[in-house]
C-alpha atoms as a PDB file:
ATOM      1  CA  MET A   1      86.402  77.323  81.068  1.00  0.00           C
ATOM      2  CA  PRO A   2      86.037  80.595  82.964  1.00  0.00           C
ATOM      3  CA  ASN A   3      86.914  80.456  86.628  1.00  0.00           C
ATOM      4  CA  PRO A   4      85.461  83.279  88.726  1.00  0.00           C
ATOM      5  CA  GLN A   5      87.585  82.427  91.747  1.00  0.00           C
ATOM      6  CA  ASN A   6      90.089  84.945  93.117  1.00  0.00           C
ATOM      7  CA  GLN A   7      88.310  87.848  91.466  1.00  0.00           C
ATOM      8  CA  GLY A   8      87.559  91.190  93.033  1.00  0.00           C
ATOM      9  CA  VAL A   9      85.642  94.287  92.061  1.00  0.00           C
ATOM     10  CA  LEU A  10      87.552  97.517  91.557  1.00  0.00           C
ATOM     11  CA  GLN A  11      85.766 100.820  92.132  1.00  0.00           C
ATOM     12  CA  ILE A  12      86.794 103.830  90.032  1.00  0.00           C
ATOM     13  CA  GLY A  13      84.551 106.811  90.609  1.00  0.00           C
ATOM     14  CA  PRO A  14      80.950 105.719  89.891  1.00  0.00           C
ATOM     15  CA  TYR A  15      82.097 102.606  88.036  1.00  0.00           C
ATOM     16  CA  SER A  16      82.626  99.099  89.387  1.00  0.00           C
ATOM     17  CA  LEU A  17      85.011  97.001  87.287  1.00  0.00           C
ATOM     18  CA  GLN A  18      85.067  93.202  87.210  1.00  0.00           C
ATOM     19  CA  SER A  19      87.250  90.798  85.248  1.00  0.00           C
ATOM     20  CA  ILE A  20      85.266  88.241  83.203  1.00  0.00           C
ATOM     21  CA  PRO A  21      87.361  85.239  82.044  1.00  0.00           C
ATOM     22  CA  SER A  22      86.034  83.764  78.796  1.00  0.00           C
ATOM     23  CA  GLY A  23      88.563  80.955  78.399  1.00  0.00           C
ATOM     24  CA  THR A  24      92.026  80.334  77.004  1.00  0.00           C
ATOM     25  CA  PHE A  25      93.800  79.645  73.744  1.00  0.00           C
ATOM     26  CA  ALA A  26      97.410  79.399  72.590  1.00  0.00           C
ATOM     27  CA  LEU A  27      99.633  81.007  69.968  1.00  0.00           C
ATOM     28  CA  ASP A  28     103.211  80.478  68.861  1.00  0.00           C
ATOM     29  CA  GLY A  29     105.524  82.037  71.440  1.00  0.00           C
ATOM     30  CA  GLY A  30     107.954  83.356  68.859  1.00  0.00           C
ATOM     31  CA  SER A  31     105.152  85.105  66.999  1.00  0.00           C
ATOM     32  CA  MET A  32     103.870  86.604  70.236  1.00  0.00           C
ATOM     33  CA  PHE A  33     107.250  88.151  71.073  1.00  0.00           C
ATOM     34  CA  GLY A  34     108.652  89.003  67.647  1.00  0.00           C
ATOM     35  CA  VAL A  35     112.388  89.698  67.665  1.00  0.00           C
ATOM     36  CA  ALA A  36     112.793  88.855  71.363  1.00  0.00           C
ATOM     37  CA  PRO A  37     114.758  85.579  71.754  1.00  0.00           C
ATOM     38  CA  ARG A  38     113.067  82.644  73.442  1.00  0.00           C
ATOM     39  CA  PRO A  39     115.404  82.568  76.501  1.00  0.00           C
ATOM     40  CA  LEU A  40     113.992  85.978  77.430  1.00  0.00           C
ATOM     41  CA  TRP A  41     110.267  85.499  76.881  1.00  0.00           C
ATOM     42  CA  GLU A  42     110.045  81.928  78.175  1.00  0.00           C
ATOM     43  CA  LYS A  43     110.867  83.257  81.656  1.00  0.00           C
ATOM     44  CA  THR A  44     107.328  84.648  81.863  1.00  0.00           C
ATOM     45  CA  ASN A  45     105.513  82.569  79.218  1.00  0.00           C
ATOM     46  CA  THR A  46     106.465  78.883  79.211  1.00  0.00           C
ATOM     47  CA  PRO A  47     105.893  77.254  75.784  1.00  0.00           C
ATOM     48  CA  ASP A  48     104.501  73.775  75.179  1.00  0.00           C
ATOM     49  CA  ASP A  49     106.023  71.101  72.919  1.00  0.00           C
ATOM     50  CA  GLN A  50     104.649  72.952  69.879  1.00  0.00           C
ATOM     51  CA  ASN A  51     106.179  76.258  71.015  1.00  0.00           C
ATOM     52  CA  ARG A  52     102.736  77.637  71.875  1.00  0.00           C
ATOM     53  CA  ILE A  53     102.137  79.779  74.946  1.00  0.00           C
ATOM     54  CA  ASP A  54      98.890  79.806  76.901  1.00  0.00           C
ATOM     55  CA  LEU A  55      96.894  83.021  76.632  1.00  0.00           C
ATOM     56  CA  GLY A  56      93.833  84.212  78.474  1.00  0.00           C
ATOM     57  CA  MET A  57      90.811  85.920  76.975  1.00  0.00           C
ATOM     58  CA  ARG A  58      89.883  88.241  79.794  1.00  0.00           C
ATOM     59  CA  LEU A  59      86.923  90.542  79.266  1.00  0.00           C
ATOM     60  CA  LEU A  60      86.166  93.528  81.490  1.00  0.00           C
ATOM     61  CA  LEU A  61      82.743  94.469  82.835  1.00  0.00           C
ATOM     62  CA  ILE A  62      82.191  98.131  83.747  1.00  0.00           C
ATOM     63  CA  ARG A  63      79.007  98.878  85.669  1.00  0.00           C
ATOM     64  CA  GLY A  64      77.954 102.522  85.829  1.00  0.00           C
ATOM     65  CA  PRO A  65      74.933 104.423  87.126  1.00  0.00           C
ATOM     66  CA  SER A  66      72.994 104.067  83.876  1.00  0.00           C
ATOM     67  CA  ARG A  67      74.936 101.785  81.509  1.00  0.00           C
ATOM     68  CA  THR A  68      76.914  98.552  81.751  1.00  0.00           C
ATOM     69  CA  TYR A  69      79.830  97.969  79.367  1.00  0.00           C
ATOM     70  CA  LEU A  70      81.580  94.747  78.403  1.00  0.00           C
ATOM     71  CA  ILE A  71      84.980  95.073  76.738  1.00  0.00           C
ATOM     72  CA  ASP A  72      85.626  92.444  74.040  1.00  0.00           C
ATOM     73  CA  THR A  73      83.901  89.084  73.609  1.00  0.00           C
ATOM     74  CA  GLY A  74      86.609  86.415  73.361  1.00  0.00           C
ATOM     75  CA  ILE A  75      86.997  83.860  70.597  1.00  0.00           C
ATOM     76  CA  GLY A  76      83.452  82.517  70.693  1.00  0.00           C
ATOM     77  CA  ASP A  77      82.337  79.080  69.516  1.00  0.00           C
ATOM     78  CA  LYS A  78      82.475  79.221  65.704  1.00  0.00           C
ATOM     79  CA  PHE A  79      85.814  77.437  65.252  1.00  0.00           C
ATOM     80  CA  ASN A  80      85.773  73.890  63.889  1.00  0.00           C
ATOM     81  CA  ASP A  81      87.597  70.986  65.555  1.00  0.00           C
ATOM     82  CA  LYS A  82      90.766  71.506  63.511  1.00  0.00           C
ATOM     83  CA  GLN A  83      90.973  75.194  64.385  1.00  0.00           C
ATOM     84  CA  ASN A  84      90.268  74.486  68.046  1.00  0.00           C
ATOM     85  CA  ALA A  85      93.155  72.003  68.084  1.00  0.00           C
ATOM     86  CA  ILE A  86      95.578  74.365  66.314  1.00  0.00           C
ATOM     87  CA  TYR A  87      94.841  77.200  68.718  1.00  0.00           C
ATOM     88  CA  LYS A  88      94.257  74.982  71.784  1.00  0.00           C
ATOM     89  CA  VAL A  89      90.922  76.687  72.353  1.00  0.00           C
ATOM     90  CA  ASN A  90      89.014  76.263  75.601  1.00  0.00           C
ATOM     91  CA  ALA A  91      86.435  79.013  75.523  1.00  0.00           C
ATOM     92  CA  VAL A  92      82.803  79.993  76.046  1.00  0.00           C
ATOM     93  CA  MET A  93      80.532  82.677  74.665  1.00  0.00           C
ATOM     94  CA  PRO A  94      80.406  85.990  76.546  1.00  0.00           C
ATOM     95  CA  ASP A  95      76.913  85.408  77.918  1.00  0.00           C
ATOM     96  CA  GLU A  96      78.098  82.119  79.437  1.00  0.00           C
ATOM     97  CA  ALA A  97      81.213  83.822  80.821  1.00  0.00           C
ATOM     98  CA  LEU A  98      79.059  86.508  82.415  1.00  0.00           C
ATOM     99  CA  ARG A  99      76.743  83.962  84.028  1.00  0.00           C
ATOM    100  CA  ALA A 100      79.741  82.020  85.364  1.00  0.00           C
ATOM    101  CA  ALA A 101      80.873  85.250  87.047  1.00  0.00           C
ATOM    102  CA  GLY A 102      77.431  85.800  88.555  1.00  0.00           C
ATOM    103  CA  VAL A 103      76.349  88.504  86.085  1.00  0.00           C
ATOM    104  CA  ASP A 104      73.061  88.643  84.154  1.00  0.00           C
ATOM    105  CA  PRO A 105      73.988  89.100  80.448  1.00  0.00           C
ATOM    106  CA  ALA A 106      70.714  90.954  79.831  1.00  0.00           C
ATOM    107  CA  GLY A 107      72.057  93.823  81.915  1.00  0.00           C
ATOM    108  CA  VAL A 108      74.879  94.607  79.458  1.00  0.00           C
ATOM    109  CA  THR A 109      73.872  97.701  77.483  1.00  0.00           C
ATOM    110  CA  ASP A 110      77.103  98.220  75.524  1.00  0.00           C
ATOM    111  CA  VAL A 111      79.946  96.098  74.145  1.00  0.00           C
ATOM    112  CA  ILE A 112      83.229  97.843  73.353  1.00  0.00           C
ATOM    113  CA  LEU A 113      85.200  95.893  70.763  1.00  0.00           C
ATOM    114  CA  THR A 114      88.849  96.908  70.920  1.00  0.00           C
ATOM    115  CA  HIS A 115      89.290  95.516  67.403  1.00  0.00           C
ATOM    116  CA  LEU A 116      87.842  92.808  65.198  1.00  0.00           C
ATOM    117  CA  HIS A 117      90.470  90.039  65.318  1.00  0.00           C
ATOM    118  CA  PHE A 118      88.890  86.645  65.973  1.00  0.00           C
ATOM    119  CA  ASP A 119      90.126  86.348  69.571  1.00  0.00           C
ATOM    120  CA  HIS A 120      88.500  89.669  70.503  1.00  0.00           C
ATOM    121  CA  ALA A 121      85.324  89.783  68.409  1.00  0.00           C
ATOM    122  CA  GLY A 122      84.644  86.091  67.759  1.00  0.00           C
ATOM    123  CA  GLY A 123      82.112  85.941  70.573  1.00  0.00           C
ATOM    124  CA  ALA A 124      80.189  88.977  69.322  1.00  0.00           C
ATOM    125  CA  THR A 125      77.983  86.764  67.137  1.00  0.00           C
ATOM    126  CA  ARG A 126      76.764  83.189  67.111  1.00  0.00           C
ATOM    127  CA  ALA A 127      77.124  80.635  64.340  1.00  0.00           C
ATOM    128  CA  ASP A 128      73.694  81.590  62.989  1.00  0.00           C
ATOM    129  CA  GLY A 129      74.773  85.248  62.713  1.00  0.00           C
ATOM    130  CA  SER A 130      72.733  86.518  65.657  1.00  0.00           C
ATOM    131  CA  PRO A 131      74.401  88.832  68.201  1.00  0.00           C
ATOM    132  CA  SER A 132      75.483  87.105  71.394  1.00  0.00           C
ATOM    133  CA  LEU A 133      74.191  90.080  73.401  1.00  0.00           C
ATOM    134  CA  PRO A 134      71.255  91.250  71.238  1.00  0.00           C
ATOM    135  CA  GLN A 135      70.190  94.047  73.565  1.00  0.00           C
ATOM    136  CA  ALA A 136      73.588  95.777  73.446  1.00  0.00           C
ATOM    137  CA  ARG A 137      75.153  98.432  71.239  1.00  0.00           C
ATOM    138  CA  TYR A 138      78.566  97.394  69.878  1.00  0.00           C
ATOM    139  CA  HIS A 139      81.198 100.146  69.775  1.00  0.00           C
ATOM    140  CA  ILE A 140      83.989 100.113  67.172  1.00  0.00           C
ATOM    141  CA  GLN A 141      86.283 102.611  65.472  1.00  0.00           C
ATOM    142  CA  HIS A 142      85.332 103.528  61.900  1.00  0.00           C
ATOM    143  CA  GLU A 143      88.867 102.915  60.579  1.00  0.00           C
ATOM    144  CA  GLN A 144      89.038  99.489  62.238  1.00  0.00           C
ATOM    145  CA  LEU A 145      85.748  98.417  60.686  1.00  0.00           C
ATOM    146  CA  GLU A 146      86.879  99.570  57.255  1.00  0.00           C
ATOM    147  CA  TRP A 147      90.241  97.831  57.694  1.00  0.00           C
ATOM    148  CA  ALA A 148      88.560  94.588  58.797  1.00  0.00           C
ATOM    149  CA  ARG A 149      86.385  94.608  55.683  1.00  0.00           C
ATOM    150  CA  GLU A 150      89.433  95.018  53.420  1.00  0.00           C
ATOM    151  CA  PRO A 151      92.477  93.947  55.458  1.00  0.00           C
ATOM    152  CA  ALA A 152      96.063  93.694  54.321  1.00  0.00           C
ATOM    153  CA  TRP A 153      97.373  90.266  53.359  1.00  0.00           C
ATOM    154  CA  LYS A 154      99.462  90.279  56.529  1.00  0.00           C
ATOM    155  CA  ASP A 155      96.493  90.164  58.898  1.00  0.00           C
ATOM    156  CA  ARG A 156      93.742  88.875  56.625  1.00  0.00           C
ATOM    157  CA  GLY A 157      93.611  85.611  58.559  1.00  0.00           C
ATOM    158  CA  SER A 158      92.839  87.403  61.820  1.00  0.00           C
ATOM    159  CA  PHE A 159      89.490  88.761  60.586  1.00  0.00           C
ATOM    160  CA  ARG A 160      86.390  86.641  60.066  1.00  0.00           C
ATOM    161  CA  PRO A 161      83.460  88.532  58.502  1.00  0.00           C
ATOM    162  CA  ASP A 162      80.946  86.287  60.284  1.00  0.00           C
ATOM    163  CA  ASP A 163      82.141  87.780  63.573  1.00  0.00           C
ATOM    164  CA  PHE A 164      81.167  91.360  62.777  1.00  0.00           C
ATOM    165  CA  MET A 165      79.298  91.787  59.488  1.00  0.00           C
ATOM    166  CA  PRO A 166      75.974  90.601  61.000  1.00  0.00           C
ATOM    167  CA  LEU A 167      76.265  93.422  63.548  1.00  0.00           C
ATOM    168  CA  GLN A 168      76.656  95.962  60.786  1.00  0.00           C
ATOM    169  CA  ARG A 169      73.738  94.520  58.815  1.00  0.00           C
ATOM    170  CA  GLU A 170      71.506  94.671  61.893  1.00  0.00           C
ATOM    171  CA  GLY A 171      72.563  98.268  62.651  1.00  0.00           C
ATOM    172  CA  GLN A 172      73.980  97.386  66.068  1.00  0.00           C
ATOM    173  CA  PHE A 173      77.287  99.221  65.680  1.00  0.00           C
ATOM    174  CA  THR A 174      77.968 102.593  67.232  1.00  0.00           C
ATOM    175  CA  ILE A 175      80.817 103.969  65.141  1.00  0.00           C
ATOM    176  CA  HIS A 176      83.526 106.234  66.573  1.00  0.00           C
ATOM    177  CA  SER A 177      86.211 108.244  64.804  1.00  0.00           C
ATOM    178  CA  GLY A 178      89.270 108.905  66.926  1.00  0.00           C
ATOM    179  CA  ARG A 179      89.681 109.530  70.626  1.00  0.00           C
ATOM    180  CA  THR A 180      86.253 109.618  72.268  1.00  0.00           C
ATOM    181  CA  GLU A 181      84.862 109.957  75.786  1.00  0.00           C
ATOM    182  CA  ILE A 182      81.773 107.771  75.586  1.00  0.00           C
ATOM    183  CA  GLU A 183      80.772 108.566  79.161  1.00  0.00           C
ATOM    184  CA  ASP A 184      82.267 110.768  81.842  1.00  0.00           C
ATOM    185  CA  GLY A 185      85.481 108.977  82.865  1.00  0.00           C
ATOM    186  CA  ILE A 186      85.408 106.301  80.121  1.00  0.00           C
ATOM    187  CA  GLU A 187      87.595 107.108  77.131  1.00  0.00           C
ATOM    188  CA  LEU A 188      88.447 105.265  73.921  1.00  0.00           C
ATOM    189  CA  LEU A 189      92.086 105.660  72.839  1.00  0.00           C
ATOM    190  CA  PRO A 190      92.843 104.493  69.270  1.00  0.00           C
ATOM    191  CA  VAL A 191      96.296 103.102  68.472  1.00  0.00           C
ATOM    192  CA  ASP A 192      97.494 101.917  65.073  1.00  0.00           C
ATOM    193  CA  GLY A 193     100.564  99.687  65.418  1.00  0.00           C
ATOM    194  CA  HIS A 194      98.856  96.326  65.930  1.00  0.00           C
ATOM    195  CA  THR A 195      96.010  96.963  63.498  1.00  0.00           C
ATOM    196  CA  ARG A 196      94.405 100.150  62.254  1.00  0.00           C
ATOM    197  CA  ALA A 197      92.466 102.008  64.975  1.00  0.00           C
ATOM    198  CA  MET A 198      92.474  99.405  67.728  1.00  0.00           C
ATOM    199  CA  GLN A 199      90.831 101.193  70.666  1.00  0.00           C
ATOM    200  CA  LEU A 200      92.132 100.873  74.204  1.00  0.00           C
ATOM    201  CA  VAL A 201      89.755 101.747  77.025  1.00  0.00           C
ATOM    202  CA  LYS A 202      90.755 104.129  79.812  1.00  0.00           C
ATOM    203  CA  VAL A 203      88.638 104.439  82.959  1.00  0.00           C
ATOM    204  CA  SER A 204      89.577 107.225  85.366  1.00  0.00           C
ATOM    205  CA  ASP A 205      88.187 109.369  88.160  1.00  0.00           C
ATOM    206  CA  GLY A 206      91.265 111.590  88.418  1.00  0.00           C
ATOM    207  CA  ASP A 207      92.742 109.593  91.297  1.00  0.00           C
ATOM    208  CA  THR A 208      92.623 106.005  89.997  1.00  0.00           C
ATOM    209  CA  THR A 209      93.088 105.094  86.356  1.00  0.00           C
ATOM    210  CA  LEU A 210      92.821 101.723  84.601  1.00  0.00           C
ATOM    211  CA  LEU A 211      93.901 101.092  81.012  1.00  0.00           C
ATOM    212  CA  TYR A 212      92.551  98.058  79.164  1.00  0.00           C
ATOM    213  CA  CYS A 213      95.635  97.291  77.073  1.00  0.00           C
ATOM    214  CA  ALA A 214      94.152  94.909  74.481  1.00  0.00           C
ATOM    215  CA  ASP A 215      96.967  93.846  72.126  1.00  0.00           C
ATOM    216  CA  LEU A 216      99.249  96.822  72.743  1.00  0.00           C
ATOM    217  CA  VAL A 217     100.505  95.035  75.878  1.00  0.00           C
ATOM    218  CA  PRO A 218      98.790  91.620  75.734  1.00  0.00           C
ATOM    219  CA  THR A 219     100.592  90.144  78.774  1.00  0.00           C
ATOM    220  CA  ARG A 220     102.851  91.455  81.516  1.00  0.00           C
ATOM    221  CA  GLY A 221     105.671  89.702  79.659  1.00  0.00           C
ATOM    222  CA  HIS A 222     105.294  92.357  76.934  1.00  0.00           C
ATOM    223  CA  LEU A 223     106.191  95.341  79.128  1.00  0.00           C
ATOM    224  CA  ARG A 224     109.599  95.815  77.538  1.00  0.00           C
ATOM    225  CA  PRO A 225     109.004  98.210  74.618  1.00  0.00           C
ATOM    226  CA  PRO A 226     110.740  96.048  71.949  1.00  0.00           C
ATOM    227  CA  PHE A 227     108.775  92.916  72.945  1.00  0.00           C
ATOM    228  CA  ILE A 228     106.291  93.348  70.090  1.00  0.00           C
ATOM    229  CA  MET A 229     104.195  90.686  68.392  1.00  0.00           C
ATOM    230  CA  SER A 230     105.099  89.717  64.848  1.00  0.00           C
ATOM    231  CA  TYR A 231     101.362  89.988  64.134  1.00  0.00           C
ATOM    232  CA  ASP A 232     101.586  93.795  64.396  1.00  0.00           C
ATOM    233  CA  ASN A 233     101.241  95.615  61.075  1.00  0.00           C
ATOM    234  CA  GLU A 234     103.474  98.539  62.076  1.00  0.00           C
ATOM    235  CA  PRO A 235     105.877  97.457  64.844  1.00  0.00           C
ATOM    236  CA  LEU A 236     107.693 100.802  64.973  1.00  0.00           C
ATOM    237  CA  LYS A 237     104.343 102.492  65.558  1.00  0.00           C
ATOM    238  CA  THR A 238     103.613  99.967  68.308  1.00  0.00           C
ATOM    239  CA  LEU A 239     106.972 100.798  69.885  1.00  0.00           C
ATOM    240  CA  GLU A 240     106.131 104.500  69.904  1.00  0.00           C
ATOM    241  CA  GLU A 241     102.648 103.877  71.334  1.00  0.00           C
ATOM    242  CA  LYS A 242     103.945 101.562  74.053  1.00  0.00           C
ATOM    243  CA  GLN A 243     106.640 103.978  75.161  1.00  0.00           C
ATOM    244  CA  HIS A 244     104.141 106.830  75.382  1.00  0.00           C
ATOM    245  CA  LEU A 245     101.331 105.037  77.200  1.00  0.00           C
ATOM    246  CA  LEU A 246     103.539 102.954  79.482  1.00  0.00           C
ATOM    247  CA  GLY A 247     105.422 106.120  80.366  1.00  0.00           C
ATOM    248  CA  LEU A 248     102.144 107.704  81.474  1.00  0.00           C
ATOM    249  CA  ALA A 249     101.147 104.538  83.322  1.00  0.00           C
ATOM    250  CA  ALA A 250     104.402 104.446  85.283  1.00  0.00           C
ATOM    251  CA  ALA A 251     104.412 108.176  86.037  1.00  0.00           C
ATOM    252  CA  GLU A 252     100.743 108.378  87.047  1.00  0.00           C
ATOM    253  CA  ASP A 253     100.427 104.969  88.732  1.00  0.00           C
ATOM    254  CA  TRP A 254      97.824 103.569  86.337  1.00  0.00           C
ATOM    255  CA  ILE A 255      96.516 100.031  86.630  1.00  0.00           C
ATOM    256  CA  LEU A 256      97.141  98.043  83.439  1.00  0.00           C
ATOM    257  CA  PHE A 257      94.607  95.350  82.515  1.00  0.00           C
ATOM    258  CA  PHE A 258      96.191  92.463  80.596  1.00  0.00           C
ATOM    259  CA  GLU A 259      93.619  90.824  78.345  1.00  0.00           C
ATOM    260  CA  HIS A 260      95.786  87.874  77.298  1.00  0.00           C
ATOM    261  CA  ASP A 261      97.882  87.160  80.395  1.00  0.00           C
ATOM    262  CA  ALA A 262      96.976  83.625  81.458  1.00  0.00           C
ATOM    263  CA  SER A 263      97.587  84.198  85.182  1.00  0.00           C
ATOM    264  CA  CYS A 264      97.577  87.936  85.955  1.00  0.00           C
ATOM    265  CA  ALA A 265      94.594  90.184  85.241  1.00  0.00           C
ATOM    266  CA  ALA A 266      96.050  93.544  86.150  1.00  0.00           C
ATOM    267  CA  GLY A 267      98.930  95.352  87.787  1.00  0.00           C
ATOM    268  CA  ARG A 268     101.011  98.472  88.208  1.00  0.00           C
ATOM    269  CA  ILE A 269     104.412  99.132  86.663  1.00  0.00           C
ATOM    270  CA  ARG A 270     107.505 101.262  87.205  1.00  0.00           C
ATOM    271  CA  ARG A 271     110.314 102.467  85.008  1.00  0.00           C
ATOM    272  CA  GLY A 272     113.248 100.080  84.905  1.00  0.00           C
ATOM    273  CA  THR A 273     116.671  99.820  83.331  1.00  0.00           C
ATOM    274  CA  ARG A 274     115.190  98.094  80.240  1.00  0.00           C
ATOM    275  CA  GLY A 275     112.037 100.108  79.897  1.00  0.00           C
ATOM    276  CA  PHE A 276     109.272  99.117  82.326  1.00  0.00           C
ATOM    277  CA  ASP A 277     109.026  96.521  85.078  1.00  0.00           C
ATOM    278  CA  PHE A 278     105.997  94.875  86.640  1.00  0.00           C
ATOM    279  CA  ARG A 279     105.632  96.280  90.170  1.00  0.00           C
ATOM    280  CA  GLU A 280     102.575  94.718  91.771  1.00  0.00           C
ATOM    281  CA  GLU A 281      99.481  92.724  90.924  1.00  0.00           C
ATOM    282  CA  VAL A 282      96.034  94.249  91.349  1.00  0.00           C
ATOM    283  CA  THR A 283      93.133  91.920  92.067  1.00  0.00           C
ATOM    284  CA  ILE A 284      90.158  92.471  89.808  1.00  0.00           C
END
């Protein structure tokens, strides 16, 4: 269940940013780290007796002068008992997560879906097909929506039409094509290695910058460039995207927001001998 303790609010320009935990789940550690051997990744992500590692589902609330954005919606509540057991799911819907953090869900005007995999978009709709935040516009990249409707065999199991097709039928999607500044200081950055046109979210006022990493860097244990999930469709593309964006983050002192890290919401990095090292945690 979400735990609002030890959270802070980060101010970037006119925007206040707040982490919204929506629960936890677990995936196979080897799959999460690809070619990296277990003795390396288990230092930061301890596996259970089924080789699964605990993962957070950390949403981000961005309050601005006129609009309030929620990034991603968690896994939701549409899994059956068998699926919940396989993935070790302990999660709530985004409206419940918001209330647990002291936020009125009715105030959310926009939901930014980084991509449509079940652990990011599952909470966008309820079991009856209704939107979980009916008053909001849901933002997605055109290429990601098209890919989710006709995915490759490799990632077909990560998309569930019931998570997103009701939103399209009800006309609640705002569709973007490519890099987009949706409001002054809030930018969508598409990347293609994990899945086609996953959009990261960058919030900046010129002095402070935060990057919502989604599945490009799901946990701080994934900072080394070759630590890439086996779920990624194009791992070499992921490698290129990580090197570029993490290079900017280290050089310009960005804050990285880790959606799936079970214990650390955000932090800063520096260049190290093996790519990039975690430097300090940022409370948010």
